[in-house]
Amino acid sequence: MFSSLKKTLKGLLGLKDHTVIVTIEPKEKSAGSSRRSEKSEKKSKAKERERAPRRDKAPAEGRPEREARPKQERPRKSERRERPQESAPAVPAPKPERPAALKEVPPAEGKTRFLDLPLHEDVQFGIQHAGFEYCTPIQALTLPALLEGRDLAGKAQTGTGKTAAFLLAVFTRLLNHPLEERKPGCPRALVLAPTRELAMQIQKDAEVLEIFTGLTSVVVFGGMDHEKQRRSLEQPVDLVIGTPGRIIDYSRGGSLKLSKVEVLVIDEADRMLDMGFIPDVKRIVSQLPRKGERQTLLFSATLEDHILQLASGWLAEPVIVESEPEKMVSENIEQTFYSVLRDEKLALLLYILRTEPYDRVLIFGNRKDVNLRLQYDLARFGYEVPVLSGDIPQEKRIKVLERFRAGTEKIVIATDVAARGIHVDDVSLVINYDLPERAEDYVHRIGRTGRAGHNGKSISFLCEYGAYYLPDIEKLLDVQFHSTQPTEDMLKMPEPVPGAKLPKREADRHSSGSRGRGDSRRRPPMRRR
């Protein structure tokens, strides 16, 4: 074949016979190049298939044609694990039926019955539905003046029943003077609270007492969905409860109209002052009807001169009420102190949790990082405990407190920032893992137990650093405490639980040898007594 081709070329080109034509025969392709070419061919064919329009396949004979479904992107493995399952929407609890008549309450010496007061009948039914029969001292002192429409400045501590006092008066006033037309976002009563926790607690009390009244209350505060709370004001509302900052936000935006407020309540005015909210309160008051055209109530833990000076600018000829000073610590609380070294605190805590009967336990530490370390250490021994502090997301805080109230969460670790926001009546034990640096915080901590007539217990650890603060507590309470030395068995460290579930963020930062090291900051030396 090649020889005949050569002769043909020579003839065409006019070459002589002795001219040599060199031919190079093609070599066989190597295995590697063959594989590469096959791959490139496959890729090119795949691209051609992608570019080519898809043809719908005809359904097989006798089979119905299926509807085309959009192809959903498949989530990654990690996303499938972390994606929470959708829960069914919560079904609201059915509203109880109003009884046919009020229950008779027998008179009691030295006590005032709610039935003795001119409260609206619908409010009386709510009181009895909540299980209340007799007034607390602050309620007995304030309600007669409040029901007359007088302005009032009251000295009352947390847990005395002051919240119910002003809510009962507000509801009675609104029911006795109903409006023909209620407008959205235009409340008739406004309650200002310094913290979101207090605002939420007031709202919970309002929901209980207004159950048979047909009135509507709304709570607004920072740290939650701004738009969702704004939408709650698009309906007719009788009572708005909130923190000053969020109230100003909605009034500026036009969602909240304050010109028709008939009753203003300023709760915990002393804390408003301490937290720098007084300018905001003044801005809110300037949007309300003038002094004398509205009823204004102010409550404070103290009625010192600067508080009374504020009250004089907001209240018209107020009634001044001071309930008899109560003991700072309830007699129902048993207080115990243990002298321990800092490295022994975790072992003692584990012993208490194993041996002490409890329904709900609050453990207090002075700092968030110390509490997170304690959370990790407790997890090693089988205790999954949430931590409450001032900077956790509000939704998470609410869920933890709801589980704690319901009893599904038995133990909670908290800082002092969260202490005043915990309103649970059945806390059986408070543990001061770190003794607080401020004596007042000790009172607030152990005040979470022994409430509403229940017995409670507090246990405080006096280590070589924390004991420095004990004299200030003794001075505040005018009492001298005696500490107990724990036995050897109480300080014996148990074995960790194999395979215990550890907090994710803390597991990588801690070793298994962190035995309750407590506060790592350098403390002043112990004070000689």
Protein backbone atom coordinates (compact mmCIF):
# COMPACT_ATOMS: atom_id res chain seq x y z
CA MET A 1 0.00 0.00 0.00
CA PHE A 2 2.75 2.38 0.96
CA SER A 3 4.88 1.53 -2.15
CA SER A 4 2.04 2.35 -4.58
CA LEU A 5 1.38 5.55 -2.67
CA LYS A 6 5.03 6.53 -3.06
CA LYS A 7 4.95 6.06 -6.85
CA THR A 8 1.80 8.15 -7.09
CA LEU A 9 3.39 10.98 -5.10
CA LYS A 10 6.54 10.93 -7.24
CA GLY A 11 4.46 11.23 -10.34
CA LEU A 12 2.43 14.09 -9.03
CA LEU A 13 5.43 15.98 -7.69
CA GLY A 14 7.75 15.23 -10.63
CA LEU A 15 10.36 13.53 -8.46
CA LYS A 16 13.04 11.20 -9.73
CA ASP A 17 13.15 7.53 -8.86
CA HIS A 18 16.17 7.84 -6.60
CA THR A 19 14.38 10.36 -4.38
CA VAL A 20 13.68 8.86 -1.01
CA ILE A 21 10.38 9.51 0.67
CA VAL A 22 10.50 8.94 4.39
CA THR A 23 7.29 7.72 5.97
CA ILE A 24 6.64 7.67 9.67
CA GLU A 25 4.22 4.99 10.72
CA PRO A 26 1.89 5.82 13.66
CA LYS A 27 2.81 4.29 17.01
CA GLU A 28 0.36 2.47 19.23
CA LYS A 29 -1.28 4.59 21.90
CA SER A 30 -0.03 4.05 25.47
CA ALA A 31 -2.39 2.83 28.17
CA GLY A 32 -2.23 6.16 30.02
CA SER A 33 -3.02 8.28 26.99
CA SER A 34 -5.81 5.89 26.07
CA ARG A 35 -7.41 6.25 29.47
CA ARG A 36 -7.07 10.06 29.34
CA SER A 37 -8.70 10.22 25.94
CA GLU A 38 -11.54 7.98 27.12
CA LYS A 39 -12.12 10.24 30.10
CA SER A 40 -12.12 13.36 27.93
CA GLU A 41 -14.59 11.70 25.58
CA LYS A 42 -16.86 10.80 28.47
CA LYS A 43 -16.70 14.37 29.79
CA SER A 44 -17.50 15.85 26.42
CA LYS A 45 -20.42 13.47 25.97
CA ALA A 46 -21.70 14.35 29.44
CA LYS A 47 -21.53 18.06 28.61
CA GLU A 48 -23.39 17.44 25.37
CA ARG A 49 -26.11 15.60 27.28
CA GLU A 50 -26.41 18.51 29.73
CA ARG A 51 -26.69 21.04 26.89
CA ALA A 52 -29.18 18.93 24.98
CA PRO A 53 -32.85 19.53 25.86
CA ARG A 54 -34.41 16.83 28.00
CA ARG A 55 -37.04 14.67 26.40
CA ASP A 56 -39.90 13.48 28.49
CA LYS A 57 -40.14 9.76 28.46
CA ALA A 58 -43.44 8.38 27.37
CA PRO A 59 -45.15 6.46 30.14
CA ALA A 60 -45.20 2.74 29.81
CA GLU A 61 -48.32 1.35 28.31
CA GLY A 62 -51.01 0.74 30.92
CA ARG A 63 -49.27 2.88 33.57
CA PRO A 64 -50.58 6.30 34.65
CA GLU A 65 -48.24 9.20 34.07
CA ARG A 66 -46.70 10.49 37.33
CA GLU A 67 -46.77 14.15 38.23
CA ALA A 68 -43.41 15.84 37.93
CA ARG A 69 -42.03 16.74 41.35
CA PRO A 70 -39.41 19.45 41.85
CA LYS A 71 -36.10 17.99 42.87
CA GLN A 72 -35.27 19.12 46.38
CA GLU A 73 -31.72 19.77 47.36
CA ARG A 74 -30.68 17.16 49.83
CA PRO A 75 -29.38 18.64 53.08
CA ARG A 76 -25.93 17.82 54.25
CA LYS A 77 -25.49 15.13 56.83
CA SER A 78 -24.56 17.60 59.54
CA GLU A 79 -27.54 19.78 58.68
CA ARG A 80 -29.89 16.81 58.91
CA ARG A 81 -28.57 16.05 62.37
CA GLU A 82 -28.82 19.58 63.68
CA ARG A 83 -32.17 20.50 62.12
CA PRO A 84 -34.82 20.40 64.90
CA GLN A 85 -37.97 18.46 64.31
CA GLU A 86 -41.06 20.54 63.79
CA SER A 87 -43.35 20.34 66.77
CA ALA A 88 -47.09 20.60 66.62
CA PRO A 89 -48.45 24.06 67.50
CA ALA A 90 -49.28 24.46 71.17
CA VAL A 91 -52.98 24.19 71.90
CA PRO A 92 -54.07 26.94 74.32
CA ALA A 93 -55.54 25.72 77.57
CA PRO A 94 -59.33 26.00 77.67
CA LYS A 95 -60.60 28.97 79.64
CA PRO A 96 -62.25 27.86 82.88
CA GLU A 97 -65.92 28.52 83.39
CA ARG A 98 -66.82 31.25 85.82
CA PRO A 99 -68.52 29.86 88.95
CA ALA A 100 -72.15 30.69 89.58
CA ALA A 101 -71.37 32.47 92.84
CA LEU A 102 -68.43 33.62 94.94
CA LYS A 103 -67.22 31.31 97.68
CA GLU A 104 -67.73 32.39 101.26
CA VAL A 105 -64.53 33.13 103.19
CA PRO A 106 -64.67 33.04 107.00
CA PRO A 107 -63.44 36.13 108.85
CA ALA A 108 -60.01 35.82 110.47
CA GLU A 109 -58.65 37.97 113.28
CA GLY A 110 -56.03 40.44 112.10
CA LYS A 111 -56.66 39.67 108.41
CA THR A 112 -58.55 41.51 105.69
CA ARG A 113 -60.65 39.44 103.30
CA PHE A 114 -60.71 40.40 99.63
CA LEU A 115 -64.49 40.06 99.86
CA ASP A 116 -64.47 42.99 102.30
CA LEU A 117 -63.11 45.32 99.60
CA PRO A 118 -65.16 46.99 96.81
CA LEU A 119 -63.44 45.05 94.03
CA HIS A 120 -65.36 44.32 90.82
CA GLU A 121 -67.13 40.96 90.91
CA ASP A 122 -65.21 39.63 87.88
CA VAL A 123 -61.98 40.48 89.70
CA GLN A 124 -63.20 38.70 92.84
CA PHE A 125 -63.80 35.55 90.81
CA GLY A 126 -60.24 35.76 89.48
CA ILE A 127 -58.88 36.15 93.01
CA GLN A 128 -60.71 33.06 94.23
CA HIS A 129 -59.75 31.10 91.11
CA ALA A 130 -56.10 31.86 91.98
CA GLY A 131 -56.66 30.55 95.51
CA PHE A 132 -56.37 33.83 97.44
CA GLU A 133 -58.68 34.70 100.30
CA TYR A 134 -56.93 37.23 102.57
CA CYS A 135 -54.87 40.32 101.81
CA THR A 136 -51.18 40.61 102.58
CA PRO A 137 -50.23 43.59 104.80
CA ILE A 138 -49.28 45.82 101.84
CA GLN A 139 -52.51 44.91 100.03
CA ALA A 140 -54.63 45.71 103.06
CA LEU A 141 -52.89 49.09 103.40
CA THR A 142 -52.93 50.16 99.75
CA LEU A 143 -56.12 48.77 98.19
CA PRO A 144 -58.63 51.07 99.97
CA ALA A 145 -56.79 54.19 98.74
CA LEU A 146 -56.19 52.74 95.27
CA LEU A 147 -59.86 51.86 94.82
CA GLU A 148 -60.75 55.47 95.69
CA GLY A 149 -58.58 56.62 92.78
CA ARG A 150 -55.87 58.23 94.93
CA ASP A 151 -52.25 58.55 93.84
CA LEU A 152 -49.94 56.47 96.02
CA ALA A 153 -46.28 56.01 96.87
CA GLY A 154 -45.71 52.66 98.56
CA LYS A 155 -42.69 51.16 100.24
CA ALA A 156 -42.75 47.42 99.63
CA GLN A 157 -40.22 44.71 99.01
CA THR A 158 -40.40 42.00 96.36
CA GLY A 159 -42.70 39.13 97.30
CA THR A 160 -45.03 41.18 99.53
CA GLY A 161 -48.00 41.10 97.14
CA LYS A 162 -47.68 44.67 95.82
CA THR A 163 -48.06 43.48 92.20
CA ALA A 164 -51.48 41.97 92.90
CA ALA A 165 -52.46 45.12 94.79
CA PHE A 166 -52.04 47.49 91.85
CA LEU A 167 -53.37 44.97 89.29
CA LEU A 168 -56.59 44.45 91.26
CA ALA A 169 -57.07 48.21 91.52
CA VAL A 170 -56.37 48.76 87.81
CA PHE A 171 -58.76 46.01 86.67
CA THR A 172 -61.53 47.24 88.96
CA ARG A 173 -61.21 50.79 87.65
CA LEU A 174 -61.31 49.69 84.00
CA LEU A 175 -64.34 47.44 84.57
CA ASN A 176 -66.26 50.08 86.53
CA HIS A 177 -65.73 52.62 83.72
CA PRO A 178 -65.89 50.67 80.44
CA LEU A 179 -65.30 52.37 77.08
CA GLU A 180 -67.74 52.13 74.19
CA GLU A 181 -64.88 51.82 71.70
CA ARG A 182 -61.41 50.37 72.29
CA LYS A 183 -58.69 51.37 69.85
CA PRO A 184 -55.62 49.30 68.83
CA GLY A 185 -52.38 50.22 70.60
CA CYS A 186 -54.15 52.67 72.90
CA PRO A 187 -53.94 51.28 76.47
CA ARG A 188 -55.86 52.64 79.42
CA ALA A 189 -53.21 51.51 81.93
CA LEU A 190 -49.41 51.37 81.73
CA VAL A 191 -46.99 49.54 84.04
CA LEU A 192 -43.26 50.35 83.85
CA ALA A 193 -40.78 47.76 85.16
CA PRO A 194 -36.96 48.04 85.24
CA THR A 195 -36.21 44.52 83.97
CA ARG A 196 -37.72 42.14 81.46
CA GLU A 197 -37.95 39.42 84.12
CA LEU A 198 -40.09 41.63 86.35
CA ALA A 199 -42.24 42.69 83.38
CA MET A 200 -42.85 39.04 82.48
CA GLN A 201 -43.76 38.20 86.08
CA ILE A 202 -46.26 41.06 86.25
CA GLN A 203 -47.81 39.83 83.00
CA LYS A 204 -48.15 36.30 84.41
CA ASP A 205 -49.94 37.68 87.48
CA ALA A 206 -52.18 39.80 85.25
CA GLU A 207 -53.20 36.79 83.16
CA VAL A 208 -54.28 34.97 86.33
CA LEU A 209 -56.30 37.83 87.81
CA GLU A 210 -57.95 39.03 84.57
CA ILE A 211 -59.16 35.56 83.57
CA PHE A 212 -62.89 36.39 83.99
CA THR A 213 -62.74 40.10 83.16
CA GLY A 214 -62.51 40.11 79.36
CA LEU A 215 -59.63 42.61 79.61
CA THR A 216 -56.49 42.29 77.51
CA SER A 217 -52.91 42.82 78.70
CA VAL A 218 -49.70 42.86 76.65
CA VAL A 219 -46.05 42.77 77.75
CA VAL A 220 -43.18 44.30 75.72
CA PHE A 221 -39.46 44.33 76.50
CA GLY A 222 -36.07 44.21 74.83
CA GLY A 223 -34.26 41.05 73.81
CA MET A 224 -37.23 39.56 71.95
CA ASP A 225 -38.66 39.82 68.43
CA HIS A 226 -39.40 43.53 67.92
CA GLU A 227 -41.88 42.97 65.08
CA LYS A 228 -43.77 40.19 66.87
CA GLN A 229 -44.28 42.37 69.95
CA ARG A 230 -45.31 45.30 67.74
CA ARG A 231 -48.02 43.17 66.13
CA SER A 232 -49.45 42.43 69.59
CA LEU A 233 -50.26 46.15 69.83
CA GLU A 234 -52.33 46.11 66.63
CA GLN A 235 -55.32 44.87 68.64
CA PRO A 236 -57.35 46.74 71.26
CA VAL A 237 -55.40 46.47 74.51
CA ASP A 238 -56.34 47.58 78.03
CA LEU A 239 -53.05 47.18 79.90
CA VAL A 240 -49.48 47.42 78.61
CA ILE A 241 -46.59 46.22 80.77
CA GLY A 242 -43.03 46.89 79.66
CA THR A 243 -39.52 48.19 80.15
CA PRO A 244 -38.93 51.91 79.47
CA GLY A 245 -36.73 51.44 76.40
CA ARG A 246 -39.17 49.25 74.51
CA ILE A 247 -42.14 51.48 75.47
CA ILE A 248 -40.30 54.47 73.97
CA ASP A 249 -39.50 52.51 70.79
CA TYR A 250 -43.13 51.69 70.09
CA SER A 251 -44.44 55.14 71.04
CA ARG A 252 -41.95 56.76 68.65
CA GLY A 253 -42.98 54.39 65.87
CA GLY A 254 -46.66 55.13 66.42
CA SER A 255 -47.58 51.57 67.44
CA LEU A 256 -48.24 52.64 71.03
CA LYS A 257 -50.35 55.70 71.84
CA LEU A 258 -50.07 56.92 75.44
CA SER A 259 -52.34 59.97 75.40
CA LYS A 260 -55.33 58.03 76.84
CA VAL A 261 -53.56 56.29 79.75
CA GLU A 262 -55.71 56.56 82.88
CA VAL A 263 -53.44 54.71 85.33
CA LEU A 264 -49.62 54.74 85.45
CA VAL A 265 -47.72 52.29 87.67
CA ILE A 266 -43.97 52.72 88.23
CA ASP A 267 -42.70 49.55 89.88
CA GLU A 268 -39.35 49.27 91.70
CA ALA A 269 -38.58 52.97 91.27
CA ASP A 270 -35.35 52.57 93.27
CA ARG A 271 -34.01 50.13 90.68
CA MET A 272 -35.16 52.43 87.88
CA LEU A 273 -32.96 55.09 89.46
CA ASP A 274 -29.99 52.76 89.98
CA MET A 275 -30.15 51.49 86.38
CA GLY A 276 -30.32 54.96 84.85
CA PHE A 277 -33.90 54.70 83.54
CA ILE A 278 -35.27 57.88 85.11
CA PRO A 279 -34.70 60.03 81.96
CA ASP A 280 -36.64 57.44 79.95
CA VAL A 281 -39.43 57.39 82.54
CA LYS A 282 -39.66 61.20 82.39
CA ARG A 283 -39.90 61.03 78.60
CA ILE A 284 -42.76 58.52 78.86
CA VAL A 285 -44.60 60.52 81.54
CA SER A 286 -44.45 63.62 79.31
CA GLN A 287 -46.65 61.80 76.76
CA LEU A 288 -49.36 60.91 79.30
CA PRO A 289 -52.27 63.00 80.55
CA ARG A 290 -51.14 65.57 83.10
CA LYS A 291 -50.66 64.90 86.80
CA GLY A 292 -54.06 64.95 88.47
CA GLU A 293 -55.82 63.83 85.28
CA ARG A 294 -54.45 60.32 85.68
CA GLN A 295 -53.91 58.01 88.65
CA THR A 296 -50.23 57.36 89.36
CA LEU A 297 -48.82 54.64 91.61
CA LEU A 298 -45.17 54.35 92.58
CA PHE A 299 -43.66 51.41 94.45
CA SER A 300 -40.12 51.19 95.77
CA ALA A 301 -38.10 49.10 98.21
CA THR A 302 -37.10 52.39 99.87
CA LEU A 303 -38.76 55.79 100.13
CA GLU A 304 -35.66 57.90 100.63
CA ASP A 305 -35.58 61.62 99.87
CA HIS A 306 -34.48 61.26 96.24
CA ILE A 307 -37.31 58.78 95.57
CA LEU A 308 -39.89 61.05 97.21
CA GLN A 309 -38.54 63.97 95.19
CA LEU A 310 -39.17 62.01 91.99
CA ALA A 311 -42.62 61.05 93.24
CA SER A 312 -43.56 64.68 93.88
CA GLY A 313 -43.12 65.45 90.18
CA TRP A 314 -45.38 62.61 89.06
CA LEU A 315 -47.95 62.16 91.85
CA ALA A 316 -50.74 64.53 92.91
CA GLU A 317 -51.34 64.66 96.69
CA PRO A 318 -50.28 61.03 97.10
CA VAL A 319 -51.00 58.70 99.95
CA ILE A 320 -47.70 57.50 101.44
CA VAL A 321 -47.81 53.87 102.58
CA GLU A 322 -45.02 52.01 104.31
CA SER A 323 -45.67 48.43 105.29
CA GLU A 324 -44.15 47.33 108.56
CA PRO A 325 -40.53 46.33 108.00
CA GLU A 326 -40.32 42.63 107.52
CA LYS A 327 -37.40 40.44 108.34
CA MET A 328 -34.87 40.49 105.51
CA VAL A 329 -34.64 36.70 105.65
CA SER A 330 -37.70 34.57 106.23
CA GLU A 331 -37.83 32.44 109.36
CA ASN A 332 -38.80 29.55 107.08
CA ILE A 333 -35.25 29.40 105.67
CA GLU A 334 -32.69 27.18 107.38
CA GLN A 335 -29.21 28.65 106.78
CA THR A 336 -26.14 26.38 106.86
CA PHE A 337 -22.47 27.27 106.29
CA TYR A 338 -19.63 24.82 105.51
CA SER A 339 -15.94 25.70 105.89
CA VAL A 340 -14.15 24.12 102.93
CA LEU A 341 -11.05 24.62 100.84
CA ARG A 342 -11.61 25.86 97.33
CA ASP A 343 -10.55 22.50 95.85
CA GLU A 344 -13.07 20.66 98.07
CA LYS A 345 -16.17 22.56 96.95
CA LEU A 346 -17.09 20.29 94.04
CA ALA A 347 -16.89 17.13 96.16
CA LEU A 348 -19.09 18.71 98.84
CA LEU A 349 -21.60 19.88 96.23
CA LEU A 350 -21.86 16.39 94.75
CA TYR A 351 -22.40 14.94 98.24
CA ILE A 352 -25.23 17.43 98.90
CA LEU A 353 -26.92 16.66 95.58
CA ARG A 354 -26.73 12.93 96.36
CA THR A 355 -28.00 13.08 99.93
CA GLU A 356 -30.13 16.22 100.33
CA PRO A 357 -33.84 15.84 99.44
CA TYR A 358 -34.94 18.53 97.01
CA ASP A 359 -37.50 19.41 94.36
CA ARG A 360 -35.67 22.36 92.82
CA VAL A 361 -32.14 23.61 93.49
CA LEU A 362 -30.57 26.96 92.63
CA ILE A 363 -26.77 27.08 92.65
CA PHE A 364 -25.19 30.54 92.66
CA GLY A 365 -21.70 31.49 91.52
CA ASN A 366 -20.14 34.91 91.26
CA ARG A 367 -19.02 34.79 87.63
CA LYS A 368 -20.27 33.29 84.40
CA ASP A 369 -16.98 31.55 83.55
CA VAL A 370 -16.91 29.91 86.99
CA ASN A 371 -20.50 28.75 86.51
CA LEU A 372 -19.72 27.31 83.08
CA ARG A 373 -16.79 25.42 84.54
CA LEU A 374 -19.05 24.09 87.30
CA GLN A 375 -21.62 23.07 84.67
CA TYR A 376 -18.93 21.04 82.90
CA ASP A 377 -17.72 19.42 86.15
CA LEU A 378 -21.25 18.43 87.16
CA ALA A 379 -21.84 16.95 83.70
CA ARG A 380 -18.91 14.58 84.24
CA PHE A 381 -20.83 13.10 87.17
CA GLY A 382 -24.16 12.77 85.37
CA TYR A 383 -25.82 16.12 86.16
CA GLU A 384 -26.98 18.02 83.06
CA VAL A 385 -27.53 21.50 84.48
CA PRO A 386 -28.36 24.72 82.55
CA VAL A 387 -26.66 28.03 83.36
CA LEU A 388 -28.59 31.30 83.69
CA SER A 389 -26.76 34.59 83.30
CA GLY A 390 -27.55 38.07 82.10
CA ASP A 391 -26.25 37.67 78.55
CA ILE A 392 -27.91 34.45 77.37
CA PRO A 393 -30.62 34.81 74.69
CA GLN A 394 -33.98 35.73 76.15
CA GLU A 395 -35.81 32.84 74.48
CA LYS A 396 -33.38 30.36 76.02
CA ARG A 397 -33.75 32.00 79.44
CA ILE A 398 -37.54 31.75 79.24
CA LYS A 399 -37.43 28.08 78.26
CA VAL A 400 -35.07 27.23 81.14
CA LEU A 401 -37.28 29.03 83.66
CA GLU A 402 -40.42 27.37 82.31
CA ARG A 403 -38.83 23.92 82.68
CA PHE A 404 -37.65 24.88 86.17
CA ARG A 405 -41.16 25.98 87.19
CA ALA A 406 -42.67 22.82 85.72
CA GLY A 407 -40.20 20.64 87.63
CA THR A 408 -38.69 19.03 84.53
CA GLU A 409 -35.46 20.91 85.30
CA LYS A 410 -34.42 20.16 88.88
CA ILE A 411 -31.14 22.12 89.13
CA VAL A 412 -30.16 25.51 87.71
CA ILE A 413 -26.88 27.41 88.04
CA ALA A 414 -27.29 31.21 88.10
CA THR A 415 -25.45 34.47 88.57
CA ASP A 416 -26.69 37.39 90.66
CA VAL A 417 -27.88 39.15 87.49
CA ALA A 418 -30.44 36.38 87.04
CA ALA A 419 -31.35 36.06 90.74
CA ARG A 420 -34.10 38.71 90.84
CA GLY A 421 -35.64 37.36 87.66
CA ILE A 422 -36.40 33.92 89.11
CA HIS A 423 -39.92 33.81 90.55
CA VAL A 424 -40.55 30.20 91.52
CA ASP A 425 -42.32 29.42 94.78
CA ASP A 426 -41.16 25.83 95.23
CA VAL A 427 -37.36 26.21 95.30
CA SER A 428 -36.42 23.89 98.15
CA LEU A 429 -32.66 24.50 98.26
CA VAL A 430 -30.31 27.39 97.44
CA ILE A 431 -26.56 26.68 97.33
CA ASN A 432 -24.03 29.51 97.42
CA TYR A 433 -21.15 27.78 95.65
CA ASP A 434 -19.41 31.16 95.87
CA LEU A 435 -20.34 33.48 98.71
CA PRO A 436 -21.55 36.74 97.13
CA GLU A 437 -19.35 39.81 97.28
CA ARG A 438 -22.30 42.06 98.24
CA ALA A 439 -24.28 41.29 101.38
CA GLU A 440 -27.53 42.38 99.70
CA ASP A 441 -27.02 39.71 97.02
CA TYR A 442 -26.94 37.05 99.73
CA VAL A 443 -30.42 38.15 100.82
CA HIS A 444 -31.72 38.10 97.24
CA ARG A 445 -30.20 34.67 96.60
CA ILE A 446 -31.62 32.82 99.57
CA GLY A 447 -34.88 34.74 99.17
CA ARG A 448 -35.61 32.43 96.21
CA THR A 449 -36.46 29.69 98.73
CA GLY A 450 -38.87 29.64 101.67
CA ARG A 451 -41.47 31.65 99.73
CA ALA A 452 -45.25 31.69 100.03
CA GLY A 453 -45.13 29.99 103.43
CA HIS A 454 -42.98 27.05 102.28
CA ASN A 455 -39.95 25.87 104.20
CA GLY A 456 -36.60 26.37 102.51
CA LYS A 457 -32.92 25.78 103.03
CA SER A 458 -29.73 27.56 102.01
CA ILE A 459 -26.21 26.10 102.10
CA SER A 460 -23.17 28.35 101.68
CA PHE A 461 -19.56 27.33 101.06
CA LEU A 462 -16.95 29.33 102.99
CA CYS A 463 -13.63 28.78 101.24
CA GLU A 464 -10.36 30.55 102.04
CA TYR A 465 -11.32 33.41 99.72
CA GLY A 466 -15.10 33.68 99.87
CA ALA A 467 -15.22 33.80 103.68
CA TYR A 468 -13.90 37.36 103.44
CA TYR A 469 -17.47 38.53 102.69
CA LEU A 470 -19.18 36.81 105.63
CA PRO A 471 -18.78 39.69 108.15
CA ASP A 472 -20.69 42.07 105.86
CA ILE A 473 -23.56 39.58 105.62
CA GLU A 474 -23.64 39.16 109.39
CA LYS A 475 -23.66 42.93 109.83
CA LEU A 476 -26.54 43.40 107.39
CA LEU A 477 -28.66 40.69 109.00
CA ASP A 478 -27.52 41.50 112.54
CA VAL A 479 -26.70 37.87 113.24
CA GLN A 480 -23.57 35.77 113.79
CA PHE A 481 -23.31 32.53 111.84
CA HIS A 482 -21.39 29.40 112.84
CA SER A 483 -19.84 27.27 110.13
CA THR A 484 -19.60 23.48 110.08
CA GLN A 485 -16.58 21.41 109.08
CA PRO A 486 -17.61 18.70 106.58
CA THR A 487 -16.68 15.11 107.39
CA GLU A 488 -14.20 13.05 105.39
CA ASP A 489 -17.02 11.12 103.71
CA MET A 490 -18.62 14.36 102.55
CA LEU A 491 -15.41 15.36 100.76
CA LYS A 492 -14.82 12.02 99.05
CA MET A 493 -14.87 12.51 95.29
CA PRO A 494 -17.01 9.92 93.44
CA GLU A 495 -16.03 8.36 90.13
CA PRO A 496 -17.14 10.19 86.97
CA VAL A 497 -19.97 8.64 84.97
CA PRO A 498 -18.59 6.77 81.92
CA GLY A 499 -19.81 8.27 78.66
CA ALA A 500 -21.43 11.25 80.37
CA LYS A 501 -22.75 13.92 78.00
CA LEU A 502 -20.53 16.99 78.32
CA PRO A 503 -21.35 20.58 77.33
CA LYS A 504 -20.00 21.10 73.81
CA ARG A 505 -18.36 24.46 74.20
CA GLU A 506 -16.74 23.64 77.51
CA ALA A 507 -15.61 20.06 76.83
CA ASP A 508 -12.72 21.19 74.63
CA ARG A 509 -11.46 23.77 77.10
CA HIS A 510 -11.34 21.70 80.27
CA SER A 511 -9.37 18.75 81.43
CA SER A 512 -10.80 16.00 83.60
CA GLY A 513 -8.80 17.26 86.57
CA SER A 514 -10.68 20.50 87.19
CA ARG A 515 -12.05 19.72 90.61
CA GLY A 516 -14.18 22.71 91.47
CA ARG A 517 -11.36 25.22 91.44
CA GLY A 518 -13.83 27.99 92.15
CA ASP A 519 -12.96 31.62 91.50
CA SER A 520 -9.49 31.92 90.07
CA ARG A 521 -9.16 35.64 90.78
CA ARG A 522 -6.92 36.70 93.60
CA ARG A 523 -8.95 37.62 96.64
CA PRO A 524 -8.06 39.80 99.61
CA PRO A 525 -6.87 37.83 102.63
CA MET A 526 -9.45 36.69 105.17
CA ARG A 527 -10.49 39.26 107.71
CA ARG A 528 -9.62 38.37 111.30
CA ARG A 529 -12.67 38.35 113.53
